[in-house]
Amino acid sequence: MTLYEKAIALSKPYLGPATESFINRQCQARLKIEPPLLMATQLSELSKWVGIGAGLIMEQNKADELASKLAALR
């Protein structure tokens, strides 16, 4: 399983059916990469933007929880 696939699987309980498009948007717009090319060195930056973006659509504590889990992926 790629890091991108792990990020999608981890995020799905938080973001539901919007997960893939949300993560893709963060990778493309914020990290300037194609999502399948996500690398471990980019997880900190991805988690930051996921925390910000998800915080707009869910409780901030849940968004922070998701961001922390994404940052810890390997």
N, C-alpha and C. Protein backbone atom coordinates (compact mmCIF):
# COMPACT_ATOMS: atom_id res chain seq x y z
N MET A 1 0.86 -1.19 0.00
CA MET A 1 0.00 0.00 0.00
C MET A 1 0.90 1.24 0.00
N THR A 2 0.61 2.16 -0.91
CA THR A 2 1.41 3.39 -0.98
C THR A 2 1.04 4.33 0.17
N LEU A 3 1.88 5.31 0.38
CA LEU A 3 1.62 6.31 1.42
C LEU A 3 0.32 7.06 1.13
N TYR A 4 0.09 7.35 -0.13
CA TYR A 4 -1.15 8.01 -0.54
C TYR A 4 -2.36 7.14 -0.18
N GLU A 5 -2.30 5.87 -0.48
CA GLU A 5 -3.41 4.95 -0.16
C GLU A 5 -3.63 4.87 1.35
N LYS A 6 -2.54 4.89 2.11
CA LYS A 6 -2.66 4.88 3.57
C LYS A 6 -3.33 6.16 4.06
N ALA A 7 -2.97 7.29 3.46
CA ALA A 7 -3.57 8.58 3.85
C ALA A 7 -5.07 8.58 3.55
N ILE A 8 -5.45 8.02 2.43
CA ILE A 8 -6.87 7.94 2.07
C ILE A 8 -7.60 7.04 3.07
N ALA A 9 -7.06 5.87 3.34
CA ALA A 9 -7.70 4.93 4.26
C ALA A 9 -7.83 5.52 5.66
N LEU A 10 -6.81 6.20 6.12
CA LEU A 10 -6.83 6.82 7.44
C LEU A 10 -7.85 7.95 7.52
N SER A 11 -7.99 8.70 6.45
CA SER A 11 -8.87 9.88 6.44
C SER A 11 -10.34 9.55 6.20
N LYS A 12 -10.62 8.41 5.61
CA LYS A 12 -12.00 8.06 5.24
C LYS A 12 -12.99 8.12 6.40
N PRO A 13 -12.67 7.63 7.59
CA PRO A 13 -13.64 7.74 8.70
C PRO A 13 -13.95 9.19 9.10
N TYR A 14 -13.04 10.09 8.81
CA TYR A 14 -13.24 11.50 9.15
C TYR A 14 -13.97 12.27 8.05
N LEU A 15 -13.62 11.96 6.81
CA LEU A 15 -14.11 12.76 5.68
C LEU A 15 -15.14 12.06 4.80
N GLY A 16 -15.34 10.77 5.02
CA GLY A 16 -16.35 10.04 4.28
C GLY A 16 -16.10 10.02 2.78
N PRO A 17 -17.17 10.13 1.99
CA PRO A 17 -17.04 10.01 0.54
C PRO A 17 -16.21 11.12 -0.11
N ALA A 18 -15.98 12.20 0.59
CA ALA A 18 -15.20 13.31 0.03
C ALA A 18 -13.69 13.13 0.24
N THR A 19 -13.30 12.04 0.87
CA THR A 19 -11.90 11.85 1.26
C THR A 19 -10.92 11.99 0.10
N GLU A 20 -11.13 11.22 -0.95
CA GLU A 20 -10.15 11.21 -2.04
C GLU A 20 -10.02 12.58 -2.70
N SER A 21 -11.13 13.23 -2.97
CA SER A 21 -11.04 14.55 -3.60
C SER A 21 -10.41 15.57 -2.65
N PHE A 22 -10.69 15.46 -1.37
CA PHE A 22 -10.11 16.39 -0.39
C PHE A 22 -8.59 16.22 -0.32
N ILE A 23 -8.13 14.99 -0.17
CA ILE A 23 -6.69 14.73 -0.08
C ILE A 23 -6.00 15.09 -1.40
N ASN A 24 -6.63 14.77 -2.51
CA ASN A 24 -6.07 15.12 -3.82
C ASN A 24 -5.89 16.63 -3.95
N ARG A 25 -6.91 17.36 -3.54
CA ARG A 25 -6.86 18.82 -3.63
C ARG A 25 -5.73 19.38 -2.77
N GLN A 26 -5.56 18.85 -1.58
CA GLN A 26 -4.48 19.33 -0.70
C GLN A 26 -3.11 19.04 -1.32
N CYS A 27 -2.96 17.85 -1.87
CA CYS A 27 -1.68 17.48 -2.49
C CYS A 27 -1.38 18.38 -3.69
N GLN A 28 -2.36 18.57 -4.54
CA GLN A 28 -2.14 19.34 -5.76
C GLN A 28 -2.01 20.84 -5.49
N ALA A 29 -2.90 21.38 -4.70
CA ALA A 29 -2.91 22.83 -4.49
C ALA A 29 -1.85 23.30 -3.49
N ARG A 30 -1.65 22.54 -2.44
CA ARG A 30 -0.74 22.98 -1.37
C ARG A 30 0.67 22.44 -1.51
N LEU A 31 0.78 21.15 -1.88
CA LEU A 31 2.10 20.53 -1.98
C LEU A 31 2.66 20.57 -3.39
N LYS A 32 1.81 20.88 -4.36
CA LYS A 32 2.21 20.95 -5.78
C LYS A 32 2.75 19.62 -6.28
N ILE A 33 2.07 18.53 -5.88
CA ILE A 33 2.45 17.19 -6.34
C ILE A 33 1.21 16.45 -6.79
N GLU A 34 1.43 15.42 -7.59
CA GLU A 34 0.34 14.51 -7.91
C GLU A 34 0.19 13.58 -6.71
N PRO A 35 -1.02 13.38 -6.24
CA PRO A 35 -1.25 12.63 -5.00
C PRO A 35 -0.52 11.28 -4.88
N PRO A 36 -0.49 10.44 -5.93
CA PRO A 36 0.20 9.15 -5.77
C PRO A 36 1.70 9.28 -5.51
N LEU A 37 2.26 10.46 -5.71
CA LEU A 37 3.70 10.68 -5.50
C LEU A 37 4.03 11.15 -4.09
N LEU A 38 3.03 11.17 -3.21
CA LEU A 38 3.23 11.61 -1.83
C LEU A 38 4.36 10.84 -1.16
N MET A 39 5.27 11.58 -0.52
CA MET A 39 6.41 10.97 0.16
C MET A 39 6.36 11.29 1.65
N ALA A 40 7.04 10.49 2.43
CA ALA A 40 7.06 10.65 3.88
C ALA A 40 7.53 12.05 4.29
N THR A 41 8.45 12.62 3.54
CA THR A 41 8.97 13.95 3.88
C THR A 41 7.92 15.04 3.70
N GLN A 42 6.82 14.74 3.02
CA GLN A 42 5.77 15.72 2.77
C GLN A 42 4.59 15.59 3.73
N LEU A 43 4.62 14.59 4.58
CA LEU A 43 3.49 14.34 5.47
C LEU A 43 3.25 15.47 6.47
N SER A 44 4.29 16.08 6.95
CA SER A 44 4.12 17.18 7.90
C SER A 44 3.36 18.33 7.25
N GLU A 45 3.75 18.69 6.04
CA GLU A 45 3.09 19.78 5.32
C GLU A 45 1.65 19.39 4.97
N LEU A 46 1.45 18.15 4.52
CA LEU A 46 0.09 17.69 4.21
C LEU A 46 -0.78 17.73 5.46
N SER A 47 -0.26 17.27 6.57
CA SER A 47 -1.06 17.25 7.80
C SER A 47 -1.45 18.66 8.23
N LYS A 48 -0.55 19.61 8.04
CA LYS A 48 -0.86 21.00 8.37
C LYS A 48 -2.06 21.50 7.56
N TRP A 49 -2.02 21.27 6.25
CA TRP A 49 -3.10 21.75 5.39
C TRP A 49 -4.39 20.98 5.58
N VAL A 50 -4.29 19.69 5.88
CA VAL A 50 -5.49 18.91 6.17
C VAL A 50 -6.13 19.42 7.45
N GLY A 51 -5.33 19.73 8.46
CA GLY A 51 -5.86 20.29 9.70
C GLY A 51 -6.60 21.59 9.48
N ILE A 52 -6.04 22.44 8.64
CA ILE A 52 -6.68 23.72 8.34
C ILE A 52 -7.97 23.51 7.53
N GLY A 53 -7.85 22.76 6.44
CA GLY A 53 -8.99 22.55 5.56
C GLY A 53 -10.12 21.77 6.21
N ALA A 54 -9.77 20.70 6.90
CA ALA A 54 -10.79 19.89 7.56
C ALA A 54 -11.45 20.66 8.71
N GLY A 55 -10.70 21.55 9.32
CA GLY A 55 -11.25 22.37 10.40
C GLY A 55 -12.37 23.28 9.95
N LEU A 56 -12.45 23.52 8.66
CA LEU A 56 -13.53 24.35 8.11
C LEU A 56 -14.84 23.57 7.94
N ILE A 57 -14.73 22.23 7.92
CA ILE A 57 -15.92 21.42 7.64
C ILE A 57 -16.28 20.46 8.78
N MET A 58 -15.46 20.43 9.81
CA MET A 58 -15.76 19.56 10.97
C MET A 58 -15.25 20.23 12.23
N GLU A 59 -15.52 19.64 13.36
CA GLU A 59 -15.01 20.18 14.62
C GLU A 59 -13.49 20.22 14.57
N GLN A 60 -12.92 21.31 15.06
CA GLN A 60 -11.47 21.49 14.96
C GLN A 60 -10.70 20.40 15.69
N ASN A 61 -11.24 19.90 16.80
CA ASN A 61 -10.51 18.84 17.52
C ASN A 61 -10.42 17.56 16.68
N LYS A 62 -11.45 17.26 15.89
CA LYS A 62 -11.42 16.09 15.00
C LYS A 62 -10.43 16.34 13.86
N ALA A 63 -10.42 17.55 13.33
CA ALA A 63 -9.49 17.90 12.26
C ALA A 63 -8.05 17.80 12.76
N ASP A 64 -7.80 18.25 13.98
CA ASP A 64 -6.46 18.17 14.57
C ASP A 64 -6.06 16.71 14.79
N GLU A 65 -7.01 15.90 15.21
CA GLU A 65 -6.75 14.47 15.41
C GLU A 65 -6.34 13.81 14.10
N LEU A 66 -7.08 14.11 13.03
CA LEU A 66 -6.75 13.58 11.71
C LEU A 66 -5.37 14.06 11.28
N ALA A 67 -5.09 15.33 11.45
CA ALA A 67 -3.80 15.90 11.06
C ALA A 67 -2.65 15.19 11.80
N SER A 68 -2.83 14.94 13.08
CA SER A 68 -1.79 14.25 13.86
C SER A 68 -1.55 12.83 13.37
N LYS A 69 -2.64 12.14 13.05
CA LYS A 69 -2.50 10.77 12.53
C LYS A 69 -1.82 10.76 11.17
N LEU A 70 -2.14 11.72 10.32
CA LEU A 70 -1.49 11.80 9.01
C LEU A 70 0.00 12.07 9.17
N ALA A 71 0.37 12.94 10.08
CA ALA A 71 1.78 13.27 10.29
C ALA A 71 2.57 12.06 10.76
N ALA A 72 1.92 11.13 11.43
CA ALA A 72 2.59 9.96 11.98
C ALA A 72 2.64 8.76 11.01
N LEU A 73 2.03 8.89 9.85
CA LEU A 73 2.02 7.78 8.88
C LEU A 73 3.43 7.42 8.45
N ARG A 74 3.62 6.18 8.13
CA ARG A 74 4.91 5.71 7.56
C ARG A 74 4.65 4.56 6.66
